[in-house]
Protein backbone atom coordinates (compact mmCIF):
# COMPACT_ATOMS: atom_id res chain seq x y z
CA MET A 1 -30.57 8.12 0.74
CA ASP A 2 -30.69 11.27 -1.35
CA PRO A 3 -33.68 10.77 -3.66
CA GLN A 4 -31.93 12.74 -6.36
CA GLN A 5 -29.08 10.24 -6.54
CA PRO A 6 -29.29 6.83 -8.25
CA ALA A 7 -28.86 3.78 -6.06
CA HIS A 8 -25.96 2.38 -8.07
CA ARG A 9 -23.67 3.78 -10.70
CA HIS A 10 -20.63 2.46 -12.44
CA PRO A 11 -17.47 4.11 -11.14
CA ALA A 12 -16.77 5.66 -14.49
CA SER A 13 -20.24 7.02 -15.02
CA GLY A 14 -20.04 10.13 -12.96
CA GLY A 15 -21.42 12.37 -15.68
CA GLY A 16 -19.99 13.97 -18.78
CA ALA A 17 -20.41 13.27 -22.46
CA ARG A 18 -18.51 11.61 -25.29
CA GLY A 19 -15.90 10.08 -22.99
CA VAL A 20 -15.30 13.26 -20.97
CA LYS A 21 -15.51 12.06 -17.37
CA PRO A 22 -14.47 13.60 -14.03
CA GLU A 23 -11.73 11.01 -13.47
CA MET A 24 -10.09 11.76 -16.83
CA PHE A 25 -7.27 13.59 -14.98
CA ALA A 26 -6.00 10.14 -13.96
CA ILE A 27 -4.11 10.27 -17.28
CA VAL A 28 -2.01 13.13 -15.91
CA MET A 29 -1.60 11.37 -12.56
CA ALA A 30 -0.31 8.19 -14.21
CA THR A 31 1.95 9.96 -16.68
CA GLY A 32 3.36 12.31 -14.05
CA ILE A 33 4.19 9.60 -11.51
CA VAL A 34 5.85 7.37 -14.10
CA SER A 35 7.91 10.41 -15.07
CA ILE A 36 8.91 10.92 -11.42
CA SER A 37 9.85 7.26 -11.05
CA ALA A 38 11.92 7.42 -14.24
CA ALA A 39 13.74 10.48 -12.87
CA ASP A 40 14.38 8.64 -9.59
CA HIS A 41 16.27 5.95 -11.51
CA GLY A 42 18.12 8.33 -13.82
CA PHE A 43 16.11 7.62 -16.97
CA GLY A 44 15.86 11.21 -18.18
CA ILE A 45 15.19 10.05 -21.72
CA VAL A 46 11.90 8.63 -20.42
CA SER A 47 11.14 11.12 -17.66
CA VAL A 48 11.39 14.35 -19.66
CA PRO A 49 9.00 13.42 -22.51
CA LEU A 50 6.46 12.03 -20.04
CA ALA A 51 6.69 15.17 -17.91
CA ALA A 52 6.14 17.32 -20.99
CA LEU A 53 3.19 15.18 -22.06
CA ALA A 54 1.59 15.45 -18.61
CA ALA A 55 2.17 19.22 -18.56
CA VAL A 56 0.41 19.57 -21.92
CA ALA A 57 -2.40 17.17 -21.04
CA LEU A 58 -3.44 19.01 -17.87
CA PRO A 59 -4.61 22.28 -19.50
CA VAL A 60 -6.18 20.36 -22.37
CA LEU A 61 -8.23 18.27 -19.95
CA MET A 62 -9.11 21.38 -17.95
CA TYR A 63 -10.50 22.92 -21.13
CA LEU A 64 -12.50 19.79 -21.95
CA ALA A 65 -13.91 19.68 -18.42
CA ALA A 66 -14.87 23.36 -18.59
CA ALA A 67 -16.47 22.92 -22.01
CA ARG A 68 -18.57 19.97 -20.79
CA TRP A 69 -19.16 21.30 -17.29
CA ARG A 70 -22.96 21.38 -17.61
CA THR A 71 -23.02 17.69 -18.55
CA PHE A 72 -21.60 16.62 -15.19
CA ASP A 73 -24.06 15.54 -12.51
CA LEU A 74 -22.51 17.39 -9.57
CA ARG A 75 -25.21 16.03 -7.24
CA ASP A 76 -23.71 12.56 -7.63
CA ILE A 77 -20.99 11.47 -5.21
CA ASP A 78 -19.04 9.62 -7.93
CA THR A 79 -18.76 12.83 -9.94
CA VAL A 80 -17.38 14.72 -6.95
CA VAL A 81 -14.91 11.95 -6.11
CA GLY A 82 -13.83 11.68 -9.73
CA PHE A 83 -12.77 15.32 -9.78
CA PHE A 84 -10.22 14.62 -7.04
CA THR A 85 -8.10 13.33 -9.94
CA TYR A 86 -7.72 17.00 -10.89
CA VAL A 87 -6.31 17.81 -7.45
CA ALA A 88 -4.00 14.80 -7.54
CA ALA A 89 -2.87 15.66 -11.08
CA CYS A 90 -1.91 19.18 -9.98
CA ALA A 91 -0.04 17.76 -6.99
CA VAL A 92 1.86 15.18 -9.04
CA LEU A 93 2.92 17.78 -11.61
CA ALA A 94 3.88 20.22 -8.86
CA SER A 95 6.09 17.51 -7.36
CA ARG A 96 7.63 16.71 -10.72
CA PHE A 97 8.54 20.37 -11.29
CA ALA A 98 9.29 21.18 -7.63
CA ASP A 99 12.66 22.67 -8.61
CA HIS A 100 10.78 25.54 -10.26
CA SER A 101 9.17 27.50 -7.43
CA VAL A 102 6.72 29.36 -9.67
CA VAL A 103 5.39 26.09 -11.08
CA LEU A 104 5.32 24.47 -7.63
CA TRP A 105 3.33 27.29 -6.06
CA GLY A 106 1.08 27.76 -9.09
CA LEU A 107 0.09 24.11 -9.45
CA GLY A 108 -0.07 23.70 -5.68
CA ALA A 109 -2.49 26.62 -5.42
CA MET A 110 -4.63 25.20 -8.22
CA GLY A 111 -4.78 21.83 -6.47
CA LEU A 112 -5.55 23.38 -3.09
CA VAL A 113 -8.40 25.48 -4.50
CA GLY A 114 -9.84 22.35 -6.11
CA TRP A 115 -9.53 20.41 -2.85
CA LEU A 116 -11.21 23.15 -0.84
CA SER A 117 -14.07 23.18 -3.35
CA LEU A 118 -14.54 19.41 -3.46
CA VAL A 119 -14.25 18.40 0.21
CA PRO A 120 -17.43 20.21 1.41
CA SER A 121 -19.36 18.73 -1.54
CA LEU A 122 -18.07 15.25 -0.75
CA LEU A 123 -18.93 15.50 2.95
CA LYS A 124 -22.42 16.81 2.12
CA ARG A 125 -23.13 13.90 -0.22
CA MET A 126 -21.73 11.36 2.24
CA TRP A 127 -24.03 12.75 4.94
CA ARG A 128 -27.05 12.52 2.65
CA LEU A 129 -26.33 8.93 1.66
CA GLY A 130 -25.94 7.72 5.23
CA PRO A 131 -24.01 4.60 6.32
CA THR A 132 -25.96 2.01 4.30
CA GLY A 133 -26.14 4.22 1.22
CA LEU A 134 -22.37 4.71 1.36
CA ARG A 135 -21.86 0.98 1.81
CA ASP A 136 -23.99 0.16 -1.23
CA ARG A 137 -22.02 2.46 -3.52
CA ALA A 138 -18.45 2.37 -2.17
CA HIS A 139 -15.71 1.38 -4.61
CA GLY A 140 -11.99 1.89 -5.13
CA THR A 141 -12.29 5.26 -6.85
CA TRP A 142 -13.42 6.79 -3.56
CA GLU A 143 -9.82 6.46 -2.34
CA LEU A 144 -9.02 9.35 -4.69
CA ALA A 145 -9.96 11.73 -1.88
CA SER A 146 -7.11 10.27 0.17
CA VAL A 147 -4.73 10.23 -2.81
CA ALA A 148 -5.35 13.91 -3.57
CA THR A 149 -4.92 14.91 0.08
CA SER A 150 -1.60 13.05 0.37
CA GLY A 151 -0.50 14.69 -2.86
CA LEU A 152 -1.10 18.13 -1.38
CA ALA A 153 0.85 17.10 1.72
CA ILE A 154 3.84 16.42 -0.53
CA VAL A 155 3.40 19.82 -2.17
CA PHE A 156 3.32 21.51 1.23
CA VAL A 157 6.60 19.84 2.17
CA ALA A 158 8.19 20.93 -1.09
CA ALA A 159 7.02 24.48 -0.37
CA GLY A 160 8.53 24.32 3.13
CA ILE A 161 5.19 24.33 4.99
CA VAL A 162 5.65 21.24 7.16
CA PHE A 163 2.84 21.96 9.64
CA TRP A 164 0.13 21.86 6.97
CA ALA A 165 1.85 18.90 5.36
CA LEU A 166 1.32 16.99 8.61
CA ILE A 167 -2.33 18.10 8.84
CA PHE A 168 -3.11 17.04 5.27
CA TRP A 169 -1.24 13.77 5.69
CA ALA A 170 -3.28 12.96 8.80
CA CYS A 171 -6.49 13.82 6.90
CA ALA A 172 -5.40 11.58 4.02
CA LEU A 173 -4.83 8.63 6.36
CA ALA A 174 -8.22 9.23 8.04
CA ALA A 175 -9.96 9.40 4.65
CA TYR A 176 -8.26 6.18 3.60
CA CYS A 177 -9.48 4.38 6.71
CA VAL A 178 -13.07 5.57 6.22
CA MET A 179 -13.24 4.71 2.52
CA THR A 180 -11.54 1.33 2.98
CA LEU A 181 -13.97 0.35 5.74
CA LEU A 182 -16.90 1.22 3.45
CA ILE A 183 -15.40 -0.77 0.56
CA ALA A 184 -14.73 -3.75 2.84
CA TRP A 185 -18.28 -3.52 4.26
CA ARG A 186 -19.70 -3.67 0.76
CA ALA A 187 -17.43 -6.55 -0.25
CA LEU A 188 -18.52 -8.59 2.75
CA GLY A 189 -22.16 -8.20 1.79
CA GLU A 190 -21.85 -8.58 -1.98
CA PRO A 191 -20.15 -11.74 -3.33
CA GLU A 192 -20.21 -10.19 -6.82
CA ALA A 193 -18.08 -7.31 -5.56
CA ARG A 194 -15.46 -9.85 -4.45
CA ARG A 195 -15.49 -11.86 -7.68
CA ASN A 196 -15.37 -9.00 -10.19
CA VAL A 197 -12.81 -6.53 -8.87
CA PRO A 198 -12.59 -3.49 -11.18
CA PRO A 199 -9.24 -1.81 -11.97
CA ASP A 200 -10.11 1.16 -9.77
CA HIS A 201 -9.49 -1.04 -6.71
CA TRP A 202 -5.77 -0.67 -7.44
CA ILE A 203 -6.19 2.79 -5.93
CA LEU A 204 -6.50 1.01 -2.56
CA MET A 205 -2.80 0.23 -2.91
CA GLY A 206 -1.94 3.52 -4.63
CA ALA A 207 -3.46 5.59 -1.81
CA LEU A 208 -1.20 3.89 0.73
CA ALA A 209 1.81 4.22 -1.56
CA ILE A 210 1.36 7.99 -1.92
CA ALA A 211 0.73 8.22 1.85
CA THR A 212 4.09 6.48 2.30
CA LEU A 213 5.75 8.93 -0.08
CA ALA A 214 4.20 11.89 1.73
CA GLY A 215 5.29 10.47 5.08
CA GLU A 216 8.87 10.04 3.89
CA HIS A 217 8.98 13.64 2.64
CA ILE A 218 7.59 14.85 5.96
CA HIS A 219 10.04 12.71 7.94
CA ALA A 220 12.96 14.15 5.99
CA ALA A 221 11.78 17.68 6.81
CA LEU A 222 11.38 17.08 10.56
CA HIS A 223 14.00 17.36 13.26
CA PRO A 224 14.89 14.07 14.96
CA GLY A 225 12.55 13.32 17.82
CA PRO A 226 9.33 11.52 18.82
CA LEU A 227 7.28 13.11 16.06
CA ALA A 228 9.76 12.09 13.37
CA ASP A 229 9.93 8.59 14.84
CA GLY A 230 6.14 8.33 14.78
CA VAL A 231 6.00 9.42 11.16
CA ARG A 232 8.63 6.81 10.27
CA ILE A 233 6.66 4.02 11.97
CA ILE A 234 3.47 5.00 10.15
CA THR A 235 5.23 5.07 6.76
CA ILE A 236 6.63 1.60 7.36
CA VAL A 237 3.13 0.36 8.17
CA THR A 238 1.55 2.02 5.12
CA LEU A 239 4.21 0.60 2.81
CA ALA A 240 3.82 -2.86 4.33
CA VAL A 241 0.03 -2.81 3.92
CA ALA A 242 0.36 -1.52 0.35
CA THR A 243 2.78 -4.35 -0.41
CA VAL A 244 0.45 -6.97 1.04
CA GLN A 245 -2.36 -5.75 -1.24
CA ILE A 246 -0.44 -6.17 -4.50
CA VAL A 247 -0.79 -9.94 -4.93
CA PRO A 248 -4.55 -10.13 -4.13
CA LEU A 249 -5.22 -7.20 -6.46
CA ALA A 250 -3.16 -8.78 -9.23
CA ILE A 251 -5.00 -12.10 -8.83
CA THR A 252 -8.52 -10.65 -8.72
CA SER A 253 -8.26 -7.91 -11.34
CA TRP A 254 -5.30 -8.67 -13.61
CA ARG A 255 -7.55 -8.98 -16.65
CA GLN A 256 -8.83 -5.43 -16.15
CA MET A 257 -5.67 -3.75 -14.87
CA LEU A 258 -4.77 -2.11 -18.18
CA ASP A 259 -6.38 1.21 -17.34
CA TRP A 260 -5.13 4.50 -15.87
CA PRO A 261 -6.48 3.71 -12.36
CA ALA A 262 -4.04 0.77 -12.22
CA VAL A 263 -1.05 2.52 -13.82
CA PHE A 264 -0.88 5.30 -11.23
CA PRO A 265 -0.61 2.96 -8.19
CA LEU A 266 2.15 0.94 -9.88
CA GLY A 267 4.18 4.09 -10.56
CA MET A 268 3.45 5.45 -7.10
CA TYR A 269 4.63 2.23 -5.46
CA SER A 270 7.91 2.59 -7.35
CA ALA A 271 8.31 6.19 -6.17
CA ALA A 272 7.37 5.30 -2.59
CA THR A 273 9.82 2.40 -2.28
CA PHE A 274 12.57 4.57 -3.79
CA ALA A 275 11.89 7.33 -1.23
CA MET A 276 11.88 4.76 1.58
CA MET A 277 15.22 3.42 0.34
CA LEU A 278 16.76 6.89 0.39
CA GLU A 279 15.55 7.57 3.92
CA THR A 280 16.31 4.18 5.47
CA GLY A 281 19.22 2.94 3.38
CA TRP A 282 17.45 -0.39 2.78
CA GLN A 283 19.07 -1.21 -0.57
CA PRO A 284 16.71 -4.08 -1.57
CA LEU A 285 14.00 -1.43 -1.92
CA ALA A 286 15.97 0.09 -4.80
CA ILE A 287 15.55 -3.15 -6.74
CA VAL A 288 11.84 -3.30 -5.87
CA SER A 289 11.42 0.29 -7.03
CA LEU A 290 13.21 -0.38 -10.31
CA VAL A 291 11.12 -3.49 -11.01
CA PHE A 292 7.89 -1.61 -10.41
CA PHE A 293 9.09 1.28 -12.55
CA TRP A 294 9.42 -1.06 -15.53
CA ILE A 295 6.05 -2.65 -14.76
CA ALA A 296 4.44 0.79 -14.52
CA LEU A 297 6.10 1.96 -17.74
CA ALA A 298 4.97 -1.18 -19.59
CA ALA A 299 1.42 -0.70 -18.26
CA TRP A 300 1.51 2.98 -19.27
CA LEU A 301 2.56 2.11 -22.81
CA ALA A 302 -0.09 -0.59 -23.09
CA VAL A 303 -2.85 1.71 -21.84
CA ALA A 304 -1.63 4.52 -24.10
CA VAL A 305 -1.92 2.22 -27.12
CA ILE A 306 -5.39 1.05 -26.08
CA VAL A 307 -6.63 4.58 -25.47
CA THR A 308 -5.14 5.88 -28.72
CA ARG A 309 -6.81 3.14 -30.74
CA ARG A 310 -10.08 3.80 -28.95
CA LEU A 311 -9.87 7.53 -29.73
CA ILE A 312 -9.10 6.83 -33.39
CA ARG A 313 -12.11 4.54 -33.60
CA LEU A 314 -14.40 7.04 -31.90
CA THR A 315 -13.12 9.86 -34.11
CA SER A 316 -13.74 7.76 -37.20
CA GLU A 317 -17.25 6.86 -36.09
CA HIS A 318 -18.04 10.46 -35.20
CA GLY A 319 -16.79 11.59 -38.61
CA LEU A 320 -19.31 9.31 -40.26
CA ARG A 321 -22.15 10.86 -38.25
CA PRO A 322 -22.45 14.55 -38.96
CA GLU A 323 -24.29 16.54 -36.31
């Protein structure tokens, strides 16, 4: 194990100060995907304000991250993984505004640059930790690497670059398998990890949902043939596995699910089932998608209220303590 890294850290403790954490871009991810799901079902009155809010939040969070950059422990693997929320946020917004080529290419480029910067750092820290070190620290947030990679695959499809969409999609599935095996290995050895499942474990489902969405976009862009058939089979499997995870996650972590890491997977599942319905014509999936849209929207509103009240309290406390 890297002697410069602590043995255990809370998933949300990847550095930063005064609530500024690497995974803060999950706010944009959650807001953007709920906006996309609302647009899928024709709720423009919901989709447009959420899209605008996400578009405003991204540069604000980028400024906060830049201002606090020196407070982040970039030697820590959780910090590196947390910043994949930035890549995913860029990808989600690029998908939401895919009709505007300048926005699509601009946000896609920003996300790709972030991904290219983070992946070598992640691999380096994984190598230093070794198998047992990775097992001892693995948690749901690590699936963000897969989420961000699938998000870029969707952007590549929207930009008409199907070859690289396939490459990134394959990398996303490989990353998911690696991270899930590590998380399962830890859960088998730590009863406490099975009893107290944090909200970030919802990303286990969300990573498969966005992989399904990416696969459906890729399938639609391919010519009929063996490759397209293979992509379709994989997307059916990823959606099925994501579906199977929902009930166990709800049972084990429902008390903690009101957080951004849980909102994004719910919205992504709605978007994924809607895309699958369009491609396959399986109409029951439209109902499933609509139900999960309302669940995701309700969760988004609840988390927004909680976060707003928390910010008001922190602002009030800070105002009483002059620096």
